[in-house]
Amino acid sequence: MNHDVLAGLPLAPPLKGNPPSPAEPFVPAERREAGKRVDEAVAALVGSVSAPALRDTVEALAAFPTRHTFSPFIGPAADEVADRLSAAGYADVTRRTWTNAGHSADNVICTKPGTVTDRPDIVLCAHYDCRTADPHDATARAPGADDNASGVAATLEIARLLAPVALAGTVRFVAFSGEEQGLWGSTAYAAALSATGAGACRLVNLDMVGRPPSDGTVTVERDLGNAVPGNDAASLAFGAVMAQAAADHTTLPVRLGPIYASDYMPFEARGDVTIGAYEGDGNPHYHQTSDAPATLDYEYLADVTRFTLATVLAEALDATG
């Protein structure tokens, strides 16, 4: 692990409004054929994504007065996430506490072991904390429906659907706190993984995926440089899998953009292969009290969940089984 790289990450509030480079349109290939058995299994799971279930999770999280990391509601919000993972049938659901600048909160981590040990772990993650325009205001009403109950809802829905499915690759479903303060929870978790000697993983981050921009697109984010240029090629290939999954399983137009200002950054800095899904700029409710469940498009969120599930399956499902 490069401790200096992780320690040097900015601990300032991240903002998604200023991408370092513009997103470009993705031109899909013809639908790729997999083995019939695997293809049918993927299609069945993808078709099981439930927009009402996604809305239920968003509404449950948005019902907290705020999920600001410094508020008394951050613990109950973590309970909500952990309880939903346990209810889906997972036994390995843990809370890992981090401390930064005198503040503490928990990351929620659920592990689904795979049957093959020589594959990189897959991490599907989203942050469950939220904020309003003032990043230091821990008392103002902050529903945080799009940012980022939407990403958490997609993560939990994918976890629910994968619970009974035997996978070759190990998948970790992770909900971070402290993102809005400067990626605090994800930085702590990335450092903890490296401290245990964990090898490089393949990480998918979902941050703001519930409200389509005016052109109806979704952006697949890839690693274009950043702290460790050596993982760029693998990220571009992984991003291509996600973009093609969107073309194969939804009608969403896809754009390709860079990773930035979210929880994949500490993992990129330790050499992991990172990608993300993001709705793109233009949500007028971003970091506002008005970021409420009624402002989301749940069919759009369901489509993002569908192609993210297909992406995870492309990495974790044993195509020979």
C-alpha atoms as a PDB file:
ATOM      1  CA  MET A   1       0.000   0.000   0.000  1.00  0.00           C
ATOM      2  CA  ASN A   2       1.170   3.509  -0.730  1.00  0.00           C
ATOM      3  CA  HIS A   3       0.262   5.154   2.589  1.00  0.00           C
ATOM      4  CA  ASP A   4       1.480   8.536   1.355  1.00  0.00           C
ATOM      5  CA  VAL A   5      -0.939   8.488  -1.579  1.00  0.00           C
ATOM      6  CA  LEU A   6      -3.913   7.664   0.621  1.00  0.00           C
ATOM      7  CA  ALA A   7      -2.882  10.190   3.268  1.00  0.00           C
ATOM      8  CA  GLY A   8      -2.568  12.850   0.580  1.00  0.00           C
ATOM      9  CA  LEU A   9      -6.116  12.476  -0.710  1.00  0.00           C
ATOM     10  CA  PRO A  10      -8.112  15.677  -0.231  1.00  0.00           C
ATOM     11  CA  LEU A  11     -10.314  15.591   2.852  1.00  0.00           C
ATOM     12  CA  ALA A  12     -12.514  18.409   1.611  1.00  0.00           C
ATOM     13  CA  PRO A  13     -16.169  18.016   0.621  1.00  0.00           C
ATOM     14  CA  PRO A  14     -16.345  16.464  -2.863  1.00  0.00           C
ATOM     15  CA  LEU A  15     -18.466  18.164  -5.530  1.00  0.00           C
ATOM     16  CA  LYS A  16     -19.779  16.361  -8.605  1.00  0.00           C
ATOM     17  CA  GLY A  17     -20.498  19.511 -10.604  1.00  0.00           C
ATOM     18  CA  ASN A  18     -17.093  19.993 -12.198  1.00  0.00           C
ATOM     19  CA  PRO A  19     -15.822  16.896 -14.033  1.00  0.00           C
ATOM     20  CA  PRO A  20     -12.151  17.019 -15.005  1.00  0.00           C
ATOM     21  CA  SER A  21     -13.066  16.111 -18.578  1.00  0.00           C
ATOM     22  CA  PRO A  22     -16.370  15.867 -20.468  1.00  0.00           C
ATOM     23  CA  ALA A  23     -18.254  12.636 -20.977  1.00  0.00           C
ATOM     24  CA  GLU A  24     -18.416  11.265 -24.510  1.00  0.00           C
ATOM     25  CA  PRO A  25     -21.125   9.147 -26.167  1.00  0.00           C
ATOM     26  CA  PHE A  26     -20.690   5.383 -26.075  1.00  0.00           C
ATOM     27  CA  VAL A  27     -21.377   3.406 -29.242  1.00  0.00           C
ATOM     28  CA  PRO A  28     -22.427  -0.114 -28.228  1.00  0.00           C
ATOM     29  CA  ALA A  29     -21.372  -3.232 -30.029  1.00  0.00           C
ATOM     30  CA  GLU A  30     -23.930  -5.763 -31.143  1.00  0.00           C
ATOM     31  CA  ARG A  31     -25.270  -7.708 -28.211  1.00  0.00           C
ATOM     32  CA  ARG A  32     -22.613 -10.149 -27.145  1.00  0.00           C
ATOM     33  CA  GLU A  33     -23.617 -13.770 -26.855  1.00  0.00           C
ATOM     34  CA  ALA A  34     -22.664 -15.703 -23.748  1.00  0.00           C
ATOM     35  CA  GLY A  35     -23.270 -19.337 -22.996  1.00  0.00           C
ATOM     36  CA  LYS A  36     -27.008 -19.958 -23.142  1.00  0.00           C
ATOM     37  CA  ARG A  37     -27.311 -21.086 -19.531  1.00  0.00           C
ATOM     38  CA  VAL A  38     -25.415 -18.080 -18.178  1.00  0.00           C
ATOM     39  CA  ASP A  39     -27.217 -15.687 -20.509  1.00  0.00           C
ATOM     40  CA  GLU A  40     -30.615 -16.924 -19.340  1.00  0.00           C
ATOM     41  CA  ALA A  41     -29.607 -16.693 -15.689  1.00  0.00           C
ATOM     42  CA  VAL A  42     -28.404 -13.132 -16.111  1.00  0.00           C
ATOM     43  CA  ALA A  43     -31.530 -12.110 -17.998  1.00  0.00           C
ATOM     44  CA  ALA A  44     -33.758 -13.610 -15.307  1.00  0.00           C
ATOM     45  CA  LEU A  45     -31.956 -11.794 -12.494  1.00  0.00           C
ATOM     46  CA  VAL A  46     -31.798  -8.507 -14.349  1.00  0.00           C
ATOM     47  CA  GLY A  47     -35.502  -8.777 -15.095  1.00  0.00           C
ATOM     48  CA  SER A  48     -36.223  -9.230 -11.386  1.00  0.00           C
ATOM     49  CA  VAL A  49     -35.053  -5.729 -10.404  1.00  0.00           C
ATOM     50  CA  SER A  50     -37.971  -4.042  -8.638  1.00  0.00           C
ATOM     51  CA  ALA A  51     -38.600  -0.305  -8.994  1.00  0.00           C
ATOM     52  CA  PRO A  52     -41.020  -0.392  -6.009  1.00  0.00           C
ATOM     53  CA  ALA A  53     -38.331  -2.032  -3.853  1.00  0.00           C
ATOM     54  CA  LEU A  54     -35.877   0.683  -4.868  1.00  0.00           C
ATOM     55  CA  ARG A  55     -38.390   3.374  -3.976  1.00  0.00           C
ATOM     56  CA  ASP A  56     -39.057   1.734  -0.604  1.00  0.00           C
ATOM     57  CA  THR A  57     -35.354   1.936   0.301  1.00  0.00           C
ATOM     58  CA  VAL A  58     -35.029   5.532  -0.896  1.00  0.00           C
ATOM     59  CA  GLU A  59     -38.080   6.571   1.128  1.00  0.00           C
ATOM     60  CA  ALA A  60     -36.843   4.770   4.245  1.00  0.00           C
ATOM     61  CA  LEU A  61     -33.473   6.518   4.121  1.00  0.00           C
ATOM     62  CA  ALA A  62     -34.946   9.894   3.200  1.00  0.00           C
ATOM     63  CA  ALA A  63     -37.320   9.645   6.184  1.00  0.00           C
ATOM     64  CA  PHE A  64     -34.439  10.388   8.556  1.00  0.00           C
ATOM     65  CA  PRO A  65     -34.353  14.144   9.255  1.00  0.00           C
ATOM     66  CA  THR A  66     -30.790  14.061   7.935  1.00  0.00           C
ATOM     67  CA  ARG A  67     -28.047  11.506   7.401  1.00  0.00           C
ATOM     68  CA  HIS A  68     -25.284  14.026   7.928  1.00  0.00           C
ATOM     69  CA  THR A  69     -22.201  12.203   9.200  1.00  0.00           C
ATOM     70  CA  PHE A  70     -22.051  14.412  12.296  1.00  0.00           C
ATOM     71  CA  SER A  71     -25.750  14.031  13.145  1.00  0.00           C
ATOM     72  CA  PRO A  72     -27.288  11.623  15.676  1.00  0.00           C
ATOM     73  CA  PHE A  73     -29.155   9.986  12.801  1.00  0.00           C
ATOM     74  CA  ILE A  74     -26.085   8.547  11.071  1.00  0.00           C
ATOM     75  CA  GLY A  75     -26.077   5.510  13.391  1.00  0.00           C
ATOM     76  CA  PRO A  76     -29.760   4.674  12.869  1.00  0.00           C
ATOM     77  CA  ALA A  77     -29.271   5.115   9.128  1.00  0.00           C
ATOM     78  CA  ALA A  78     -26.437   2.567   9.265  1.00  0.00           C
ATOM     79  CA  ASP A  79     -28.786   0.276  11.210  1.00  0.00           C
ATOM     80  CA  GLU A  80     -31.347   0.599   8.412  1.00  0.00           C
ATOM     81  CA  VAL A  81     -28.809  -0.451   5.788  1.00  0.00           C
ATOM     82  CA  ALA A  82     -27.428  -3.305   7.884  1.00  0.00           C
ATOM     83  CA  ASP A  83     -30.904  -4.577   8.780  1.00  0.00           C
ATOM     84  CA  ARG A  84     -31.919  -4.703   5.122  1.00  0.00           C
ATOM     85  CA  LEU A  85     -28.832  -6.712   4.231  1.00  0.00           C
ATOM     86  CA  SER A  86     -29.495  -9.133   7.093  1.00  0.00           C
ATOM     87  CA  ALA A  87     -33.134  -9.430   6.036  1.00  0.00           C
ATOM     88  CA  ALA A  88     -31.946 -10.400   2.543  1.00  0.00           C
ATOM     89  CA  GLY A  89     -30.326 -13.450   4.116  1.00  0.00           C
ATOM     90  CA  TYR A  90     -26.716 -12.413   4.660  1.00  0.00           C
ATOM     91  CA  ALA A  91     -24.926 -13.621   7.786  1.00  0.00           C
ATOM     92  CA  ASP A  92     -21.728 -11.615   7.306  1.00  0.00           C
ATOM     93  CA  VAL A  93     -22.912  -8.028   7.825  1.00  0.00           C
ATOM     94  CA  THR A  94     -20.509  -5.910   9.875  1.00  0.00           C
ATOM     95  CA  ARG A  95     -20.114  -2.309  11.033  1.00  0.00           C
ATOM     96  CA  ARG A  96     -16.594  -0.878  10.900  1.00  0.00           C
ATOM     97  CA  THR A  97     -16.014   2.361  12.754  1.00  0.00           C
ATOM     98  CA  TRP A  98     -13.628   5.003  11.461  1.00  0.00           C
ATOM     99  CA  THR A  99     -12.456   8.189  13.207  1.00  0.00           C
ATOM    100  CA  ASN A 100     -11.369  11.400  11.544  1.00  0.00           C
ATOM    101  CA  ALA A 101     -10.940  14.932  12.929  1.00  0.00           C
ATOM    102  CA  GLY A 102     -12.643  13.960  16.155  1.00  0.00           C
ATOM    103  CA  HIS A 103     -15.667  12.420  14.429  1.00  0.00           C
ATOM    104  CA  SER A 104     -16.610   8.753  14.168  1.00  0.00           C
ATOM    105  CA  ALA A 105     -19.133   6.837  12.099  1.00  0.00           C
ATOM    106  CA  ASP A 106     -19.545   3.391  10.609  1.00  0.00           C
ATOM    107  CA  ASN A 107     -19.135   1.783   7.233  1.00  0.00           C
ATOM    108  CA  VAL A 108     -21.538  -1.109   6.650  1.00  0.00           C
ATOM    109  CA  ILE A 109     -19.912  -4.102   4.962  1.00  0.00           C
ATOM    110  CA  CYS A 110     -21.637  -7.257   3.735  1.00  0.00           C
ATOM    111  CA  THR A 111     -19.594 -10.094   2.253  1.00  0.00           C
ATOM    112  CA  LYS A 112     -20.921 -12.770  -0.095  1.00  0.00           C
ATOM    113  CA  PRO A 113     -18.136 -15.362  -0.430  1.00  0.00           C
ATOM    114  CA  GLY A 114     -17.388 -16.799  -3.834  1.00  0.00           C
ATOM    115  CA  THR A 115     -16.431 -20.352  -4.680  1.00  0.00           C
ATOM    116  CA  VAL A 116     -13.141 -19.451  -6.362  1.00  0.00           C
ATOM    117  CA  THR A 117     -10.301 -17.977  -4.333  1.00  0.00           C
ATOM    118  CA  ASP A 118      -8.009 -16.719  -7.072  1.00  0.00           C
ATOM    119  CA  ARG A 119     -10.298 -13.964  -8.376  1.00  0.00           C
ATOM    120  CA  PRO A 120     -10.185 -10.336  -7.292  1.00  0.00           C
ATOM    121  CA  ASP A 121     -12.956  -9.418  -4.900  1.00  0.00           C
ATOM    122  CA  ILE A 122     -15.729  -7.281  -6.369  1.00  0.00           C
ATOM    123  CA  VAL A 123     -16.791  -4.281  -4.277  1.00  0.00           C
ATOM    124  CA  LEU A 124     -20.150  -2.661  -5.008  1.00  0.00           C
ATOM    125  CA  CYS A 125     -20.436   0.514  -2.985  1.00  0.00           C
ATOM    126  CA  ALA A 126     -22.388   3.699  -2.344  1.00  0.00           C
ATOM    127  CA  HIS A 127     -22.367   6.324   0.415  1.00  0.00           C
ATOM    128  CA  TYR A 128     -25.363   6.581   2.742  1.00  0.00           C
ATOM    129  CA  ASP A 129     -24.569   9.945   4.330  1.00  0.00           C
ATOM    130  CA  CYS A 130     -25.920  13.212   2.924  1.00  0.00           C
ATOM    131  CA  ARG A 131     -25.824  16.989   3.421  1.00  0.00           C
ATOM    132  CA  THR A 132     -27.357  20.298   2.419  1.00  0.00           C
ATOM    133  CA  ALA A 133     -25.628  23.313   0.854  1.00  0.00           C
ATOM    134  CA  ASP A 134     -23.651  23.978   4.045  1.00  0.00           C
ATOM    135  CA  PRO A 135     -21.446  20.912   4.534  1.00  0.00           C
ATOM    136  CA  HIS A 136     -21.056  21.715   8.239  1.00  0.00           C
ATOM    137  CA  ASP A 137     -24.789  21.924   9.004  1.00  0.00           C
ATOM    138  CA  ALA A 138     -25.636  18.648  10.721  1.00  0.00           C
ATOM    139  CA  THR A 139     -29.154  19.665  11.760  1.00  0.00           C
ATOM    140  CA  ALA A 140     -30.862  20.994   8.600  1.00  0.00           C
ATOM    141  CA  ARG A 141     -33.421  18.777   6.887  1.00  0.00           C
ATOM    142  CA  ALA A 142     -31.548  16.701   4.295  1.00  0.00           C
ATOM    143  CA  PRO A 143     -33.495  13.863   2.628  1.00  0.00           C
ATOM    144  CA  GLY A 144     -30.568  12.971   0.357  1.00  0.00           C
ATOM    145  CA  ALA A 145     -32.802  10.950  -1.963  1.00  0.00           C
ATOM    146  CA  ASP A 146     -30.667  11.173  -5.091  1.00  0.00           C
ATOM    147  CA  ASP A 147     -27.439  11.896  -3.223  1.00  0.00           C
ATOM    148  CA  ASN A 148     -27.196   9.170  -2.297  1.00  0.00           C
ATOM    149  CA  ALA A 149     -30.103   7.044  -1.183  1.00  0.00           C
ATOM    150  CA  SER A 150     -30.410   6.172  -4.878  1.00  0.00           C
ATOM    151  CA  GLY A 151     -27.000   4.487  -4.979  1.00  0.00           C
ATOM    152  CA  VAL A 152     -27.599   2.706  -1.677  1.00  0.00           C
ATOM    153  CA  ALA A 153     -30.983   1.465  -2.896  1.00  0.00           C
ATOM    154  CA  ALA A 154     -29.415   0.022  -6.045  1.00  0.00           C
ATOM    155  CA  THR A 155     -26.683  -1.656  -4.013  1.00  0.00           C
ATOM    156  CA  LEU A 156     -29.199  -3.210  -1.617  1.00  0.00           C
ATOM    157  CA  GLU A 157     -31.460  -4.371  -4.442  1.00  0.00           C
ATOM    158  CA  ILE A 158     -28.528  -6.082  -6.158  1.00  0.00           C
ATOM    159  CA  ALA A 159     -27.524  -7.670  -2.849  1.00  0.00           C
ATOM    160  CA  ARG A 160     -31.089  -8.925  -2.351  1.00  0.00           C
ATOM    161  CA  LEU A 161     -31.233 -10.512  -5.784  1.00  0.00           C
ATOM    162  CA  LEU A 162     -27.795 -12.105  -5.506  1.00  0.00           C
ATOM    163  CA  ALA A 163     -28.343 -13.561  -2.017  1.00  0.00           C
ATOM    164  CA  PRO A 164     -29.476 -17.019  -3.268  1.00  0.00           C
ATOM    165  CA  VAL A 165     -27.132 -17.094  -6.279  1.00  0.00           C
ATOM    166  CA  ALA A 166     -23.895 -19.096  -6.162  1.00  0.00           C
ATOM    167  CA  LEU A 167     -21.071 -16.918  -7.476  1.00  0.00           C
ATOM    168  CA  ALA A 168     -17.504 -17.784  -8.331  1.00  0.00           C
ATOM    169  CA  GLY A 169     -16.219 -14.379  -7.240  1.00  0.00           C
ATOM    170  CA  THR A 170     -16.539 -12.868  -3.772  1.00  0.00           C
ATOM    171  CA  VAL A 171     -18.708  -9.753  -3.700  1.00  0.00           C
ATOM    172  CA  ARG A 172     -18.654  -7.111  -0.978  1.00  0.00           C
ATOM    173  CA  PHE A 173     -21.583  -4.728  -0.670  1.00  0.00           C
ATOM    174  CA  VAL A 174     -20.404  -1.617   1.147  1.00  0.00           C
ATOM    175  CA  ALA A 175     -22.189   1.531   2.335  1.00  0.00           C
ATOM    176  CA  PHE A 176     -19.858   4.347   3.336  1.00  0.00           C
ATOM    177  CA  SER A 177     -20.366   7.254   5.684  1.00  0.00           C
ATOM    178  CA  GLY A 178     -18.249  10.409   5.670  1.00  0.00           C
ATOM    179  CA  GLU A 179     -18.279  10.795   1.886  1.00  0.00           C
ATOM    180  CA  GLU A 180     -19.633  14.321   2.058  1.00  0.00           C
ATOM    181  CA  GLN A 181     -16.847  15.414   4.420  1.00  0.00           C
ATOM    182  CA  GLY A 182     -14.126  14.240   2.061  1.00  0.00           C
ATOM    183  CA  LEU A 183     -14.359  10.485   1.390  1.00  0.00           C
ATOM    184  CA  TRP A 184     -13.548   9.754   5.031  1.00  0.00           C
ATOM    185  CA  GLY A 185     -15.215   6.358   5.316  1.00  0.00           C
ATOM    186  CA  SER A 186     -13.979   5.016   1.997  1.00  0.00           C
ATOM    187  CA  THR A 187     -10.453   6.251   2.664  1.00  0.00           C
ATOM    188  CA  ALA A 188     -10.447   4.414   5.991  1.00  0.00           C
ATOM    189  CA  TYR A 189     -11.748   1.220   4.407  1.00  0.00           C
ATOM    190  CA  ALA A 190      -9.236   1.326   1.541  1.00  0.00           C
ATOM    191  CA  ALA A 191      -6.430   1.797   4.057  1.00  0.00           C
ATOM    192  CA  ALA A 192      -7.733  -1.061   6.193  1.00  0.00           C
ATOM    193  CA  LEU A 193      -7.826  -3.404   3.198  1.00  0.00           C
ATOM    194  CA  SER A 194      -4.245  -2.592   2.345  1.00  0.00           C
ATOM    195  CA  ALA A 195      -3.148  -2.988   5.961  1.00  0.00           C
ATOM    196  CA  THR A 196      -4.477  -6.558   5.937  1.00  0.00           C
ATOM    197  CA  GLY A 197      -2.607  -7.321   2.722  1.00  0.00           C
ATOM    198  CA  ALA A 198      -5.764  -7.547   0.624  1.00  0.00           C
ATOM    199  CA  GLY A 199      -4.988  -7.650  -3.063  1.00  0.00           C
ATOM    200  CA  ALA A 200      -6.424  -5.372  -5.689  1.00  0.00           C
ATOM    201  CA  CYS A 201     -10.181  -5.495  -6.093  1.00  0.00           C
ATOM    202  CA  ARG A 202     -12.592  -4.476  -8.821  1.00  0.00           C
ATOM    203  CA  LEU A 203     -14.838  -1.725  -7.522  1.00  0.00           C
ATOM    204  CA  VAL A 204     -18.128  -0.297  -8.793  1.00  0.00           C
ATOM    205  CA  ASN A 205     -19.303   2.946  -7.165  1.00  0.00           C
ATOM    206  CA  LEU A 206     -22.886   4.233  -7.418  1.00  0.00           C
ATOM    207  CA  ASP A 207     -23.290   7.915  -6.548  1.00  0.00           C
ATOM    208  CA  MET A 208     -26.396   9.815  -7.726  1.00  0.00           C
ATOM    209  CA  VAL A 209     -28.170   7.431 -10.088  1.00  0.00           C
ATOM    210  CA  GLY A 210     -31.842   8.271  -9.603  1.00  0.00           C
ATOM    211  CA  ARG A 211     -32.641  11.373 -11.626  1.00  0.00           C
ATOM    212  CA  PRO A 212     -31.870  11.370 -15.363  1.00  0.00           C
ATOM    213  CA  PRO A 213     -30.433  14.472 -16.999  1.00  0.00           C
ATOM    214  CA  SER A 214     -32.387  16.241 -19.731  1.00  0.00           C
ATOM    215  CA  ASP A 215     -30.980  13.954 -22.432  1.00  0.00           C
ATOM    216  CA  GLY A 216     -31.865  10.791 -20.482  1.00  0.00           C
ATOM    217  CA  THR A 217     -28.303   9.471 -20.467  1.00  0.00           C
ATOM    218  CA  VAL A 218     -26.282   7.696 -17.830  1.00  0.00           C
ATOM    219  CA  THR A 219     -22.515   8.106 -17.466  1.00  0.00           C
ATOM    220  CA  VAL A 220     -20.161   5.184 -16.959  1.00  0.00           C
ATOM    221  CA  GLU A 221     -17.081   6.535 -15.196  1.00  0.00           C
ATOM    222  CA  ARG A 222     -13.583   5.134 -15.785  1.00  0.00           C
ATOM    223  CA  ASP A 223     -10.127   5.769 -14.355  1.00  0.00           C
ATOM    224  CA  LEU A 224      -8.210   8.175 -16.587  1.00  0.00           C
ATOM    225  CA  GLY A 225      -4.902   8.779 -14.853  1.00  0.00           C
ATOM    226  CA  ASN A 226      -5.254   9.862 -11.218  1.00  0.00           C
ATOM    227  CA  ALA A 227      -2.880   8.478  -8.573  1.00  0.00           C
ATOM    228  CA  VAL A 228      -1.980   5.127 -10.178  1.00  0.00           C
ATOM    229  CA  PRO A 229      -1.910   5.237 -13.992  1.00  0.00           C
ATOM    230  CA  GLY A 230      -1.110   1.527 -14.163  1.00  0.00           C
ATOM    231  CA  ASN A 231      -4.705   0.548 -13.445  1.00  0.00           C
ATOM    232  CA  ASP A 232      -6.201   2.675 -16.235  1.00  0.00           C
ATOM    233  CA  ALA A 233      -6.323   0.021 -18.957  1.00  0.00           C
ATOM    234  CA  ALA A 234      -8.145  -2.467 -16.743  1.00  0.00           C
ATOM    235  CA  SER A 235     -10.596   0.247 -15.688  1.00  0.00           C
ATOM    236  CA  LEU A 236     -11.314   1.147 -19.311  1.00  0.00           C
ATOM    237  CA  ALA A 237     -12.004  -2.525 -20.067  1.00  0.00           C
ATOM    238  CA  PHE A 238     -14.199  -2.886 -16.973  1.00  0.00           C
ATOM    239  CA  GLY A 239     -16.072   0.284 -17.911  1.00  0.00           C
ATOM    240  CA  ALA A 240     -16.666  -1.128 -21.383  1.00  0.00           C
ATOM    241  CA  VAL A 241     -18.310  -4.170 -19.764  1.00  0.00           C
ATOM    242  CA  MET A 242     -20.655  -1.870 -17.832  1.00  0.00           C
ATOM    243  CA  ALA A 243     -21.445   0.313 -20.843  1.00  0.00           C
ATOM    244  CA  GLN A 244     -22.229  -2.731 -22.962  1.00  0.00           C
ATOM    245  CA  ALA A 245     -24.377  -4.156 -20.150  1.00  0.00           C
ATOM    246  CA  ALA A 246     -26.421  -0.953 -20.241  1.00  0.00           C
ATOM    247  CA  ALA A 247     -26.868  -1.366 -24.003  1.00  0.00           C
ATOM    248  CA  ASP A 248     -27.736  -5.057 -23.646  1.00  0.00           C
ATOM    249  CA  HIS A 249     -30.234  -4.759 -20.801  1.00  0.00           C
ATOM    250  CA  THR A 250     -31.705  -1.242 -20.998  1.00  0.00           C
ATOM    251  CA  THR A 251     -32.518   1.469 -23.524  1.00  0.00           C
ATOM    252  CA  LEU A 252     -30.496   4.129 -21.703  1.00  0.00           C
ATOM    253  CA  PRO A 253     -28.083   6.127 -23.874  1.00  0.00           C
ATOM    254  CA  VAL A 254     -24.617   5.789 -22.318  1.00  0.00           C
ATOM    255  CA  ARG A 255     -21.845   8.337 -22.000  1.00  0.00           C
ATOM    256  CA  LEU A 256     -18.265   7.579 -20.945  1.00  0.00           C
ATOM    257  CA  GLY A 257     -16.639   9.912 -18.448  1.00  0.00           C
ATOM    258  CA  PRO A 258     -13.910  10.050 -15.773  1.00  0.00           C
ATOM    259  CA  ILE A 259     -14.048   8.973 -12.151  1.00  0.00           C
ATOM    260  CA  TYR A 260     -13.864  11.929  -9.780  1.00  0.00           C
ATOM    261  CA  ALA A 261     -15.137  13.332  -6.479  1.00  0.00           C
ATOM    262  CA  SER A 262     -16.567  10.130  -4.989  1.00  0.00           C
ATOM    263  CA  ASP A 263     -15.693   7.012  -3.029  1.00  0.00           C
ATOM    264  CA  TYR A 264     -13.764   5.167  -5.746  1.00  0.00           C
ATOM    265  CA  MET A 265     -10.833   7.596  -5.435  1.00  0.00           C
ATOM    266  CA  PRO A 266      -9.123   6.040  -2.349  1.00  0.00           C
ATOM    267  CA  PHE A 267      -9.351   2.620  -3.988  1.00  0.00           C
ATOM    268  CA  GLU A 268      -7.897   3.872  -7.256  1.00  0.00           C
ATOM    269  CA  ALA A 269      -5.023   5.269  -5.182  1.00  0.00           C
ATOM    270  CA  ARG A 270      -4.212   1.822  -3.791  1.00  0.00           C
ATOM    271  CA  GLY A 271      -4.218   0.288  -7.266  1.00  0.00           C
ATOM    272  CA  ASP A 272      -7.725  -1.130  -7.487  1.00  0.00           C
ATOM    273  CA  VAL A 273      -9.641  -1.230 -10.772  1.00  0.00           C
ATOM    274  CA  THR A 274     -12.440   1.275 -10.306  1.00  0.00           C
ATOM    275  CA  ILE A 275     -15.498   2.358 -12.284  1.00  0.00           C
ATOM    276  CA  GLY A 276     -18.776   4.056 -11.450  1.00  0.00           C
ATOM    277  CA  ALA A 277     -22.253   4.896 -12.664  1.00  0.00           C
ATOM    278  CA  TYR A 278     -23.502   8.488 -12.421  1.00  0.00           C
ATOM    279  CA  GLU A 279     -26.550  10.245 -13.793  1.00  0.00           C
ATOM    280  CA  GLY A 280     -24.536  13.299 -14.846  1.00  0.00           C
ATOM    281  CA  ASP A 281     -24.838  16.960 -13.991  1.00  0.00           C
ATOM    282  CA  GLY A 282     -28.039  18.939 -13.824  1.00  0.00           C
ATOM    283  CA  ASN A 283     -29.964  17.929 -10.704  1.00  0.00           C
ATOM    284  CA  PRO A 284     -31.259  21.236  -9.262  1.00  0.00           C
ATOM    285  CA  HIS A 285     -31.848  19.517  -5.904  1.00  0.00           C
ATOM    286  CA  TYR A 286     -28.170  18.560  -5.414  1.00  0.00           C
ATOM    287  CA  HIS A 287     -27.219  19.236  -1.775  1.00  0.00           C
ATOM    288  CA  GLN A 288     -30.595  20.850  -1.127  1.00  0.00           C
ATOM    289  CA  THR A 289     -33.440  20.165   1.284  1.00  0.00           C
ATOM    290  CA  SER A 290     -35.542  19.535  -1.837  1.00  0.00           C
ATOM    291  CA  ASP A 291     -33.608  16.334  -2.726  1.00  0.00           C
ATOM    292  CA  ALA A 292     -36.710  14.320  -1.877  1.00  0.00           C
ATOM    293  CA  PRO A 293     -37.933  10.873  -3.027  1.00  0.00           C
ATOM    294  CA  ALA A 294     -40.632  12.387  -5.242  1.00  0.00           C
ATOM    295  CA  THR A 295     -37.986  14.023  -7.449  1.00  0.00           C
ATOM    296  CA  LEU A 296     -36.530  10.690  -8.601  1.00  0.00           C
ATOM    297  CA  ASP A 297     -37.373   8.580 -11.633  1.00  0.00           C
ATOM    298  CA  TYR A 298     -37.589   5.029 -10.315  1.00  0.00           C
ATOM    299  CA  GLU A 299     -37.641   3.367 -13.710  1.00  0.00           C
ATOM    300  CA  TYR A 300     -34.374   5.140 -14.505  1.00  0.00           C
ATOM    301  CA  LEU A 301     -32.966   3.989 -11.156  1.00  0.00           C
ATOM    302  CA  ALA A 302     -34.179   0.473 -11.941  1.00  0.00           C
ATOM    303  CA  ASP A 303     -32.380   0.555 -15.295  1.00  0.00           C
ATOM    304  CA  VAL A 304     -29.125   1.637 -13.633  1.00  0.00           C
ATOM    305  CA  THR A 305     -29.594  -1.169 -11.122  1.00  0.00           C
ATOM    306  CA  ARG A 306     -30.200  -3.642 -13.944  1.00  0.00           C
ATOM    307  CA  PHE A 307     -27.027  -2.915 -15.860  1.00  0.00           C
ATOM    308  CA  THR A 308     -24.966  -2.703 -12.661  1.00  0.00           C
ATOM    309  CA  LEU A 309     -26.260  -6.132 -11.659  1.00  0.00           C
ATOM    310  CA  ALA A 310     -25.352  -7.448 -15.110  1.00  0.00           C
ATOM    311  CA  THR A 311     -21.869  -5.956 -14.698  1.00  0.00           C
ATOM    312  CA  VAL A 312     -21.345  -7.665 -11.344  1.00  0.00           C
ATOM    313  CA  LEU A 313     -22.563 -10.954 -12.805  1.00  0.00           C
ATOM    314  CA  ALA A 314     -20.175 -10.626 -15.736  1.00  0.00           C
ATOM    315  CA  GLU A 315     -17.339 -10.549 -13.214  1.00  0.00           C
ATOM    316  CA  ALA A 316     -18.608 -12.957 -10.566  1.00  0.00           C
ATOM    317  CA  LEU A 317     -20.716 -15.607 -12.299  1.00  0.00           C
ATOM    318  CA  ASP A 318     -18.951 -18.795 -13.303  1.00  0.00           C
ATOM    319  CA  ALA A 319     -19.538 -18.991 -17.054  1.00  0.00           C
ATOM    320  CA  THR A 320     -18.558 -22.662 -17.060  1.00  0.00           C
ATOM    321  CA  GLY A 321     -21.142 -23.673 -14.476  1.00  0.00           C
END
